Protein backbone atom coordinates (compact mmCIF):
# COMPACT_ATOMS: atom_id res chain seq x y z
CA UNK A 1 84.85 92.13 40.90
CA UNK A 2 88.58 92.18 40.22
CA UNK A 3 91.55 89.82 39.87
CA UNK A 4 93.76 91.04 42.67
CA UNK A 5 96.41 88.38 42.02
CA UNK A 6 96.46 88.45 38.23
CA UNK A 7 96.40 85.11 36.52
CA UNK A 8 95.43 81.72 37.84
CA UNK A 9 96.82 82.29 41.34
CA UNK A 10 94.48 82.83 44.24
CA UNK A 11 94.21 86.16 46.14
CA UNK A 12 92.46 84.43 49.04
CA UNK A 13 90.81 87.48 50.70
CA UNK A 14 90.70 87.36 54.49
CA UNK A 15 89.77 89.66 57.31
CA UNK A 16 86.76 91.14 55.52
CA UNK A 17 85.58 94.01 57.71
CA UNK A 18 83.05 96.77 56.86
CA UNK A 19 83.69 100.31 58.07
CA UNK A 20 80.87 102.61 57.05
CA UNK A 21 80.44 102.21 53.28
CA UNK A 22 83.86 100.61 52.80
CA UNK A 23 84.81 96.93 52.99
CA UNK A 24 88.44 96.30 54.00
CA UNK A 25 90.20 93.01 53.42
CA UNK A 26 93.61 91.52 52.98
CA UNK A 27 94.43 89.74 49.76
CA UNK A 28 97.47 88.06 48.17
CA UNK A 29 99.03 90.12 45.39
CA UNK A 30 102.05 87.83 45.03
CA UNK A 31 103.08 84.36 46.21
CA UNK A 32 103.38 84.27 49.99
CA UNK A 33 102.39 87.93 50.30
CA UNK A 34 99.26 89.93 50.95
CA UNK A 35 98.30 93.57 51.36
CA UNK A 36 95.45 95.76 52.59
CA UNK A 37 92.67 96.50 50.07
CA UNK A 38 89.38 98.40 50.22
CA UNK A 39 86.15 98.15 48.22
CA UNK A 40 83.46 100.79 47.73
CA UNK A 41 80.58 100.79 45.33
CA UNK A 42 81.90 103.94 43.77
CA UNK A 43 85.55 103.00 43.31
CA UNK A 44 85.53 99.25 43.35
CA UNK A 45 88.62 97.36 44.71
CA UNK A 46 91.70 99.46 45.35
CA UNK A 47 94.98 98.91 47.18
CA UNK A 48 95.17 100.85 50.42
CA UNK A 49 98.76 100.06 51.29
CA UNK A 50 101.30 97.30 50.85
CA UNK A 51 102.95 97.52 54.25
CA UNK A 52 105.55 94.87 53.59
CA UNK A 53 106.13 94.32 49.86
CA UNK A 54 106.84 90.71 49.13
CA UNK A 55 105.58 89.59 52.53
CA UNK A 56 102.36 89.23 54.43
CA UNK A 57 100.89 92.46 55.80
CA UNK A 58 98.26 90.60 57.80
CA UNK A 59 99.17 88.11 60.55
CA UNK A 60 95.83 86.35 60.41
CA UNK A 61 94.66 87.57 63.86
CA UNK A 62 91.51 89.52 64.71
CA UNK A 63 90.39 92.76 63.09
CA UNK A 64 88.37 95.42 64.86
CA UNK A 65 86.82 98.80 64.11
CA UNK A 66 86.84 101.70 66.55
CA UNK A 67 86.55 105.44 66.04
CA UNK A 68 85.87 104.94 62.33
CA UNK A 69 89.25 103.20 61.80
CA UNK A 70 90.39 99.67 61.10
CA UNK A 71 92.72 98.02 63.66
CA UNK A 72 94.75 94.93 62.86
CA UNK A 73 98.08 93.19 63.52
CA UNK A 74 100.76 93.55 60.90
CA UNK A 75 104.45 92.95 60.37
CA UNK A 76 106.93 95.80 60.07
CA UNK A 77 110.61 96.52 60.57
CA UNK A 78 113.67 94.29 60.21
CA UNK A 79 113.33 91.72 61.52
CA UNK A 80 109.56 91.77 60.93
CA UNK A 81 107.82 92.27 64.27
CA UNK A 82 104.06 91.86 64.69
CA UNK A 83 102.58 95.04 66.18
CA UNK A 84 99.27 96.98 66.27
CA UNK A 85 98.37 98.92 63.15
CA UNK A 86 95.43 101.16 62.22
CA UNK A 87 94.09 102.57 58.97
CA UNK A 88 91.70 105.33 58.02
CA UNK A 89 91.51 104.00 54.46
CA UNK A 90 94.42 106.01 53.02
CA UNK A 91 98.02 105.03 52.47
CA UNK A 92 99.34 107.82 54.68
CA UNK A 93 96.72 107.10 57.33
CA UNK A 94 97.71 103.41 57.48
CA UNK A 95 100.37 103.33 60.19
CA UNK A 96 101.86 101.34 63.04
CA UNK A 97 100.20 102.65 66.19
CA UNK A 98 102.95 101.86 68.67
CA UNK A 99 105.93 99.59 68.99
CA UNK A 100 104.64 98.00 72.21
CA UNK A 101 107.51 95.55 72.58
CA UNK A 102 110.76 97.18 71.51
CA UNK A 103 112.65 93.92 71.11
CA UNK A 104 110.53 91.19 69.56
CA UNK A 105 106.84 91.11 68.64
CA UNK A 106 104.00 92.03 70.98
CA UNK A 107 101.68 90.06 68.60
CA UNK A 108 98.34 91.75 69.43
CA UNK A 109 95.46 89.21 69.42
CA UNK A 110 91.74 89.11 69.99
CA UNK A 111 90.92 92.72 69.30
CA UNK A 112 87.58 93.99 70.60
CA UNK A 113 86.11 97.42 69.98
CA UNK A 114 84.77 99.16 73.08
CA UNK A 115 83.58 102.69 72.44
CA UNK A 116 86.19 104.59 70.39
CA UNK A 117 89.03 102.26 71.42
CA UNK A 118 90.05 98.64 71.05
CA UNK A 119 91.17 96.27 73.80
CA UNK A 120 93.44 93.38 73.01
CA UNK A 121 95.99 91.02 74.44
CA UNK A 122 99.70 91.41 73.78
CA UNK A 123 102.94 89.71 74.77
CA UNK A 124 105.29 91.91 76.78
CA UNK A 125 108.56 91.22 78.51
CA UNK A 126 106.52 90.71 81.71
CA UNK A 127 104.10 88.22 80.07
CA UNK A 128 100.71 88.34 78.36
CA UNK A 129 98.84 91.56 79.28
CA UNK A 130 95.65 93.42 78.33
CA UNK A 131 96.09 96.69 76.40
CA UNK A 132 93.82 99.31 74.92
CA UNK A 133 94.35 101.78 72.04
CA UNK A 134 92.54 104.70 70.51
CA UNK A 135 94.84 104.73 67.47
CA UNK A 136 97.45 107.01 69.01
CA UNK A 137 100.74 106.10 70.69
CA UNK A 138 99.82 108.00 73.87
CA UNK A 139 96.40 106.33 73.92
CA UNK A 140 97.90 102.85 73.73
CA UNK A 141 98.76 101.40 77.14
CA UNK A 142 98.42 98.54 79.59
CA UNK A 143 95.09 98.27 81.49
CA UNK A 144 96.25 95.94 84.28
CA UNK A 145 99.24 93.98 85.43
CA UNK A 146 97.07 90.84 85.67
CA UNK A 147 98.50 88.03 83.55
CA UNK A 148 96.19 86.75 80.83
CA UNK A 149 95.87 83.00 80.54
CA UNK A 150 97.18 81.00 77.56
CA UNK A 151 96.38 77.37 76.87
CA UNK A 152 98.87 74.58 77.62
CA UNK A 153 99.68 74.41 73.86
CA UNK A 154 100.46 78.12 73.70
CA UNK A 155 97.23 79.01 71.84
CA UNK A 156 95.59 81.99 73.56
CA UNK A 157 92.46 81.34 75.53
CA UNK A 158 89.63 83.25 73.90
CA UNK A 159 87.97 86.43 75.16
CA UNK A 160 84.39 87.56 74.72
CA UNK A 161 82.52 90.84 74.69
CA UNK A 162 79.15 91.41 76.35
CA UNK A 163 77.85 94.89 75.66
CA UNK A 164 80.80 97.28 76.09
CA UNK A 165 82.78 94.98 78.35
CA UNK A 166 85.40 92.41 77.39
CA UNK A 167 85.79 89.29 79.54
CA UNK A 168 88.94 87.19 79.89
CA UNK A 169 90.86 84.77 82.09
CA UNK A 170 93.41 86.53 84.29
CA UNK A 171 95.89 85.29 86.89
CA UNK A 172 97.13 87.28 89.84
CA UNK A 173 99.02 85.97 92.87
CA UNK A 174 98.95 82.54 91.29
CA UNK A 175 95.14 82.34 91.21
CA UNK A 176 93.22 82.30 87.89
CA UNK A 177 89.79 83.87 87.77
CA UNK A 178 87.28 85.67 85.52
CA UNK A 179 88.12 89.31 84.75
CA UNK A 180 86.44 92.12 82.87
CA UNK A 181 87.43 95.42 81.24
CA UNK A 182 85.53 98.37 79.84
CA UNK A 183 88.69 99.77 78.26
CA UNK A 184 89.68 101.83 81.27
CA UNK A 185 92.16 101.12 84.07
CA UNK A 186 89.48 101.66 86.71
CA UNK A 187 87.05 99.41 84.90
CA UNK A 188 89.45 96.43 84.64
CA UNK A 189 88.82 94.16 87.60
CA UNK A 190 88.14 90.61 88.76
CA UNK A 191 84.54 89.46 88.28
CA UNK A 192 84.36 85.95 89.73
CA UNK A 193 86.89 83.99 91.72
CA UNK A 194 86.37 80.78 89.74
CA UNK A 195 89.27 78.76 88.24
CA UNK A 196 88.67 78.65 84.49
CA UNK A 197 91.14 76.18 83.01
CA UNK A 198 92.54 72.80 83.72
CA UNK A 199 95.89 71.22 82.93
CA UNK A 200 94.52 70.25 79.48
CA UNK A 201 91.72 72.60 78.55
CA UNK A 202 92.02 76.38 78.24
CA UNK A 203 89.08 78.59 79.32
CA UNK A 204 86.37 79.39 76.86
CA UNK A 205 83.89 82.29 76.73
CA UNK A 206 80.76 83.08 74.71
CA UNK A 207 78.24 85.91 74.97
CA UNK A 208 74.62 84.87 75.57
CA UNK A 209 72.53 87.57 73.83
CA UNK A 210 73.57 91.03 74.98
CA UNK A 211 73.25 90.54 78.72
CA UNK A 212 75.06 87.42 79.90
CA UNK A 213 78.32 85.53 79.59
CA UNK A 214 78.77 81.74 79.32
CA UNK A 215 82.17 80.36 80.28
CA UNK A 216 83.90 77.21 81.38
CA UNK A 217 84.76 77.02 85.09
CA UNK A 218 86.42 74.48 87.31
CA UNK A 219 84.80 73.71 90.68
CA UNK A 220 86.57 71.45 93.15
CA UNK A 221 83.35 69.51 93.72
CA UNK A 222 81.93 69.20 90.18
CA UNK A 223 84.95 69.61 87.93
CA UNK A 224 85.03 71.57 84.65
CA UNK A 225 81.52 72.68 83.84
CA UNK A 226 79.57 75.44 82.07
CA UNK A 227 78.97 78.63 84.09
CA UNK A 228 76.86 81.70 83.51
CA UNK A 229 77.52 85.25 84.64
CA UNK A 230 75.00 88.06 84.40
CA UNK A 231 76.68 91.46 84.66
CA UNK A 232 73.70 92.97 86.46
CA UNK A 233 74.14 90.69 89.46
CA UNK A 234 75.20 92.71 92.52
CA UNK A 235 78.84 92.21 93.54
CA UNK A 236 79.79 90.69 96.87
CA UNK A 237 79.91 93.57 99.33
CA UNK A 238 82.62 94.05 101.91
CA UNK A 239 81.76 92.22 105.13
CA UNK A 240 80.89 93.77 108.49
CA UNK A 241 83.39 93.17 111.31
CA UNK A 242 82.21 91.93 114.69
CA UNK A 243 84.66 91.93 117.57
CA UNK A 244 83.91 92.48 121.25
CA UNK A 245 87.51 92.20 122.52
CA UNK A 246 87.50 88.49 123.11
CA UNK A 247 88.96 85.40 121.42
CA UNK A 248 87.20 85.63 118.01
CA UNK A 249 86.99 88.15 115.17
CA UNK A 250 84.01 87.59 112.87
CA UNK A 251 83.22 88.91 109.36
CA UNK A 252 79.64 88.70 108.18
CA UNK A 253 78.89 88.94 104.47
CA UNK A 254 75.53 89.97 102.90
CA UNK A 255 74.92 86.50 101.41
CA UNK A 256 75.98 82.81 101.63
CA UNK A 257 79.51 82.03 100.54
CA UNK A 258 80.96 79.30 98.34
CA UNK A 259 82.16 76.56 100.62
CA UNK A 260 85.67 76.47 99.17
CA UNK A 261 88.92 77.65 100.73
CA UNK A 262 90.29 80.99 99.64
CA UNK A 263 93.08 81.01 97.07
CA UNK A 264 94.71 84.17 98.43
CA UNK A 265 95.76 84.83 101.98
CA UNK A 266 94.78 87.42 104.55
CA UNK A 267 97.27 89.56 106.46
CA UNK A 268 96.97 90.44 110.14
CA UNK A 269 99.35 93.09 111.50
CA UNK A 270 99.88 94.64 114.94
CA UNK A 271 100.51 98.36 114.37
CA UNK A 272 101.84 101.15 116.54
CA UNK A 273 103.95 104.28 116.35
CA UNK A 274 106.94 103.35 114.17
CA UNK A 275 106.23 99.65 113.73
CA UNK A 276 104.02 97.13 111.96
CA UNK A 277 104.53 93.52 112.86
CA UNK A 278 102.87 90.68 110.91
CA UNK A 279 101.05 88.01 112.92
CA UNK A 280 102.14 84.62 111.45
CA UNK A 281 99.30 82.90 109.66
CA UNK A 282 99.93 79.64 111.44
CA UNK A 283 98.92 81.28 114.74
CA UNK A 284 95.48 82.06 113.31
CA UNK A 285 92.62 79.71 112.50
CA UNK A 286 89.80 80.58 110.09
CA UNK A 287 86.42 78.85 110.30
CA UNK A 288 83.86 79.24 107.51
CA UNK A 289 80.07 79.09 107.96
CA UNK A 290 79.29 79.26 104.25
CA UNK A 291 75.50 79.13 104.65
CA UNK A 292 75.49 82.08 107.07
CA UNK A 293 78.18 83.95 105.16
CA UNK A 294 80.41 84.24 108.23
CA UNK A 295 84.19 83.87 108.61
CA UNK A 296 85.48 83.47 112.15
CA UNK A 297 89.14 84.12 113.01
CA UNK A 298 90.49 82.64 116.25
CA UNK A 299 94.01 82.70 117.63
CA UNK A 300 95.14 79.32 119.03
CA UNK A 301 98.78 80.29 118.58
CA UNK A 302 98.57 82.70 121.57
CA UNK A 303 98.21 82.07 125.27
CA UNK A 304 94.59 81.45 126.14
CA UNK A 305 93.66 81.96 122.47
CA UNK A 306 93.77 85.73 123.01
CA UNK A 307 95.73 88.23 120.97
CA UNK A 308 98.19 90.35 123.03
CA UNK A 309 97.05 93.89 123.91
CA UNK A 310 97.56 96.29 120.99
CA UNK A 311 96.13 97.76 117.82
CA UNK A 312 95.59 95.44 114.86
CA UNK A 313 94.89 95.81 111.14
CA UNK A 314 93.51 92.90 109.11
CA UNK A 315 93.32 92.85 105.33
CA UNK A 316 91.03 90.47 103.42
CA UNK A 317 92.36 90.85 99.88
CA UNK A 318 90.24 91.04 96.77
CA UNK A 319 89.04 87.52 95.97
CA UNK A 320 89.52 86.22 99.52
CA UNK A 321 85.87 85.13 99.58
CA UNK A 322 83.29 84.58 96.88
CA UNK A 323 79.56 83.88 96.87
CA UNK A 324 77.95 80.81 95.45
CA UNK A 325 77.65 82.37 92.00
CA UNK A 326 81.38 82.96 91.96
CA UNK A 327 81.23 86.73 92.58
CA UNK A 328 84.34 87.60 94.58
CA UNK A 329 85.17 90.21 97.14
CA UNK A 330 85.90 92.92 94.52
CA UNK A 331 88.49 94.93 96.48
CA UNK A 332 90.67 94.65 99.56
CA UNK A 333 88.65 94.97 102.77
CA UNK A 334 90.81 96.50 105.54
CA UNK A 335 89.68 96.72 109.15
CA UNK A 336 91.26 98.13 112.35
CA UNK A 337 90.49 96.73 115.79
CA UNK A 338 92.16 96.69 119.16
CA UNK A 339 92.65 94.31 122.09
CA UNK A 340 92.93 95.55 125.69
CA UNK A 341 92.34 92.99 128.42
CA UNK A 342 89.97 94.19 131.16
CA UNK A 343 88.36 96.90 128.94
CA UNK A 344 84.75 95.71 129.26
CA UNK A 345 83.15 98.85 127.79
CA UNK A 346 85.64 99.07 124.93
CA UNK A 347 86.64 102.72 125.52
CA UNK A 348 90.42 101.92 125.39
CA UNK A 349 90.70 102.45 129.14
CA UNK A 350 90.69 100.02 132.08
CA UNK A 351 89.17 101.81 135.03
CA UNK A 352 86.45 101.80 137.66
CA UNK A 353 83.68 101.51 135.09
CA UNK A 354 85.11 98.19 133.88
CA UNK A 355 85.44 96.99 137.45
CA UNK A 356 81.79 97.71 138.00
CA UNK A 357 80.89 95.69 134.92
CA UNK A 358 82.90 92.74 136.20
CA UNK A 359 81.51 93.05 139.74
CA UNK A 360 77.92 92.94 138.47
CA UNK A 361 78.53 89.54 136.88
CA UNK A 362 81.12 88.17 139.27
CA UNK A 363 80.95 84.53 140.18
CA UNK A 364 78.72 83.68 137.22
CA UNK A 365 79.71 80.25 135.85
CA UNK A 366 78.54 80.57 132.22
CA UNK A 367 76.79 82.58 129.51
CA UNK A 368 78.77 85.77 129.96
CA UNK A 369 80.57 87.91 127.36
CA UNK A 370 83.46 90.31 127.25
CA UNK A 371 81.09 93.19 127.98
CA UNK A 372 80.10 91.40 131.20
CA UNK A 373 83.68 90.96 132.35
CA UNK A 374 84.58 87.61 130.78
CA UNK A 375 88.18 88.56 129.71
CA UNK A 376 89.38 84.97 129.33
CA UNK A 377 86.70 83.85 126.83
CA UNK A 378 85.42 80.90 128.89
CA UNK A 379 81.92 82.24 129.44
CA UNK A 380 82.42 82.66 133.20
CA UNK A 381 83.25 85.77 135.22
CA UNK A 382 85.51 84.78 138.06
CA UNK A 383 88.83 85.39 139.77
CA UNK A 384 90.79 84.79 136.57
CA UNK A 385 89.02 87.68 134.88
CA UNK A 386 89.58 89.87 137.93
CA UNK A 387 93.32 89.21 137.61
CA UNK A 388 93.28 90.29 133.96
CA UNK A 389 91.62 93.55 134.89
CA UNK A 390 93.84 94.12 137.90
CA UNK A 391 97.02 93.76 135.87
CA UNK A 392 95.89 96.55 133.53
CA UNK A 393 94.02 98.77 135.93
CA UNK A 394 94.39 102.50 135.38
CA UNK A 395 95.93 102.07 131.88
CA UNK A 396 94.86 103.18 128.38
CA UNK A 397 95.67 102.23 124.76
CA UNK A 398 96.35 104.87 122.10
CA UNK A 399 94.54 104.82 118.72
CA UNK A 400 96.47 103.22 115.91
CA UNK A 401 98.37 105.25 113.29
CA UNK A 402 96.63 105.85 109.97
CA UNK A 403 97.12 103.21 107.30
CA UNK A 404 99.21 105.63 105.22
CA UNK A 405 101.52 106.26 108.21
CA UNK A 406 102.34 102.56 108.47
CA UNK A 407 102.76 101.87 104.75
CA UNK A 408 106.49 102.51 104.67
CA UNK A 409 107.44 100.25 107.52
CA UNK A 410 104.70 97.66 106.96
CA UNK A 411 106.50 96.56 103.84
CA UNK A 412 109.76 95.97 105.72
CA UNK A 413 110.73 92.40 106.77
CA UNK A 414 109.10 91.43 110.04
CA UNK A 415 110.12 88.88 112.65
CA UNK A 416 108.71 85.38 112.31
CA UNK A 417 107.00 85.64 115.70
CA UNK A 418 104.86 88.28 117.25
CA UNK A 419 106.81 90.33 119.81
CA UNK A 420 105.59 90.96 123.30
CA UNK A 421 102.65 93.34 123.46
CA UNK A 422 103.43 97.00 123.61
CA UNK A 423 102.90 98.51 127.08
CA UNK A 424 99.68 100.44 127.46
CA UNK A 425 99.89 104.03 128.66
CA UNK A 426 98.89 105.02 132.19
CA UNK A 427 95.88 107.28 132.26
CA UNK A 428 96.03 110.79 133.50
CA UNK A 429 95.24 110.89 137.25
CA UNK A 430 91.53 110.78 137.60
CA UNK A 431 89.57 112.95 139.96
CA UNK A 432 87.81 109.87 141.30
CA UNK A 433 90.00 109.28 144.36
CA UNK A 434 88.09 106.22 145.32
CA UNK A 435 89.50 104.34 142.28
CA UNK A 436 93.16 104.97 143.05
CA UNK A 437 93.61 102.37 145.75
CA UNK A 438 91.17 99.70 144.57
CA UNK A 439 94.14 97.43 143.72
CA UNK A 440 96.77 98.94 146.05
CA UNK A 441 99.81 96.70 146.57
CA UNK A 442 100.90 98.62 149.73
CA UNK A 443 100.17 96.68 152.94
CA UNK A 444 97.54 98.34 155.07
CA UNK A 445 98.79 98.62 158.70
CA UNK A 446 96.20 97.98 161.32
CA UNK A 447 96.05 100.42 164.17
CA UNK A 448 97.14 98.98 167.53
CA UNK A 449 94.47 98.91 170.20
CA UNK A 450 94.95 101.45 173.00
CA UNK A 451 96.22 99.93 176.26
CA UNK A 452 93.50 99.24 178.77
CA UNK A 453 93.44 101.51 181.83
CA UNK A 454 94.38 99.73 185.12
CA UNK A 455 91.50 99.18 187.41
CA UNK A 456 91.52 100.98 190.73
CA UNK A 457 92.36 98.78 193.69
CA UNK A 458 89.28 97.74 195.62
CA UNK A 459 88.94 99.06 199.12
CA UNK A 460 88.86 96.50 201.85
CA UNK A 461 85.51 96.25 203.49
CA UNK A 462 85.24 97.33 207.03
CA UNK A 463 84.06 94.86 209.50
């Protein structure tokens, strides 16, 4: 067709990419140098632009097409930094899109076209990140702060596209997992909480047709094996909380879970007006019934295994649990609950209604629940439960502040131990007078018996 590098030297065309009726490629036009060329049936081979005369324009990375333009990585500036470039097929329209890393090269790699934009990995001062670009500086930005995985040798782990979604290995909070992106910030999220690489082998991905992804995953039981992900599979839904006021908080998921420990930690916080105090994780125990999809939280670090009275907020972060296919909890699941000893009917008040509940089950040795008056969690309703109720009788617990109201002070350093429970508020005086003295501590004086009247003296009998 043409001798780009005149004479016996090779031009070695690389990066051949069709865009409409034009074929773009990079070819050597001098020793140790190449430039961008285009071929059409009408015009033949023509130079588009020599970005860096005497040097290589093309870094040898991926090339992608989006919005009718060619995207590639090229050198520019002094020293020569590798950044994202785009071309519309003209010299003036061949330009650096954005200097992503001001000092040093961002070295865009693994470009994938998604819609009218490209997604790609770059090196920033914060690490390797996922970016997108529509060919403009304003339309070129980071999609997530998740760190993309590189192999132990520094060679980037590959990405793959299935349909209009790119998949990659990402690490957040020290845990590597499978991530996806549709080129938007909202559409960039974790897919499966499965470790993807080992100390020697980087993760690998490959599309299977147009509807599934094959990738390498590491399971603690079977090692590094081949996994399959089908995008149409339903995500793991947030669990339902079950708590009756007693010694255990349960979360039930909609399917069985993988029988592996979570790689990110939960947070449990006691909240109230003006404070948010973290409950130390070592005072909490988590049991997993993987087959039933149930997580049970108990509190052996507290007296009797019962949390102190108060309002609590628990956060199961994204990825805290995953199903057997690797689908993780996709977003943080936050739940509020409260503890108030003696509150059998869970109305945040301890009053006569709760006493009635306890009385109906009193002196029952087993099989009872919180709603029956078992406030110590031993299955029995007895004097110990009556004491719990009596200590809190005629008190109430306010509702917790909204999550937004606690955000500022929740982030502040908290004591290593949980403080004493906040006092509950006395109720307004009820009209039911009979309840006021049920647990009176005032001695009741017994009325003294009236003195007996002296008997009249008997008359002597006459003879």
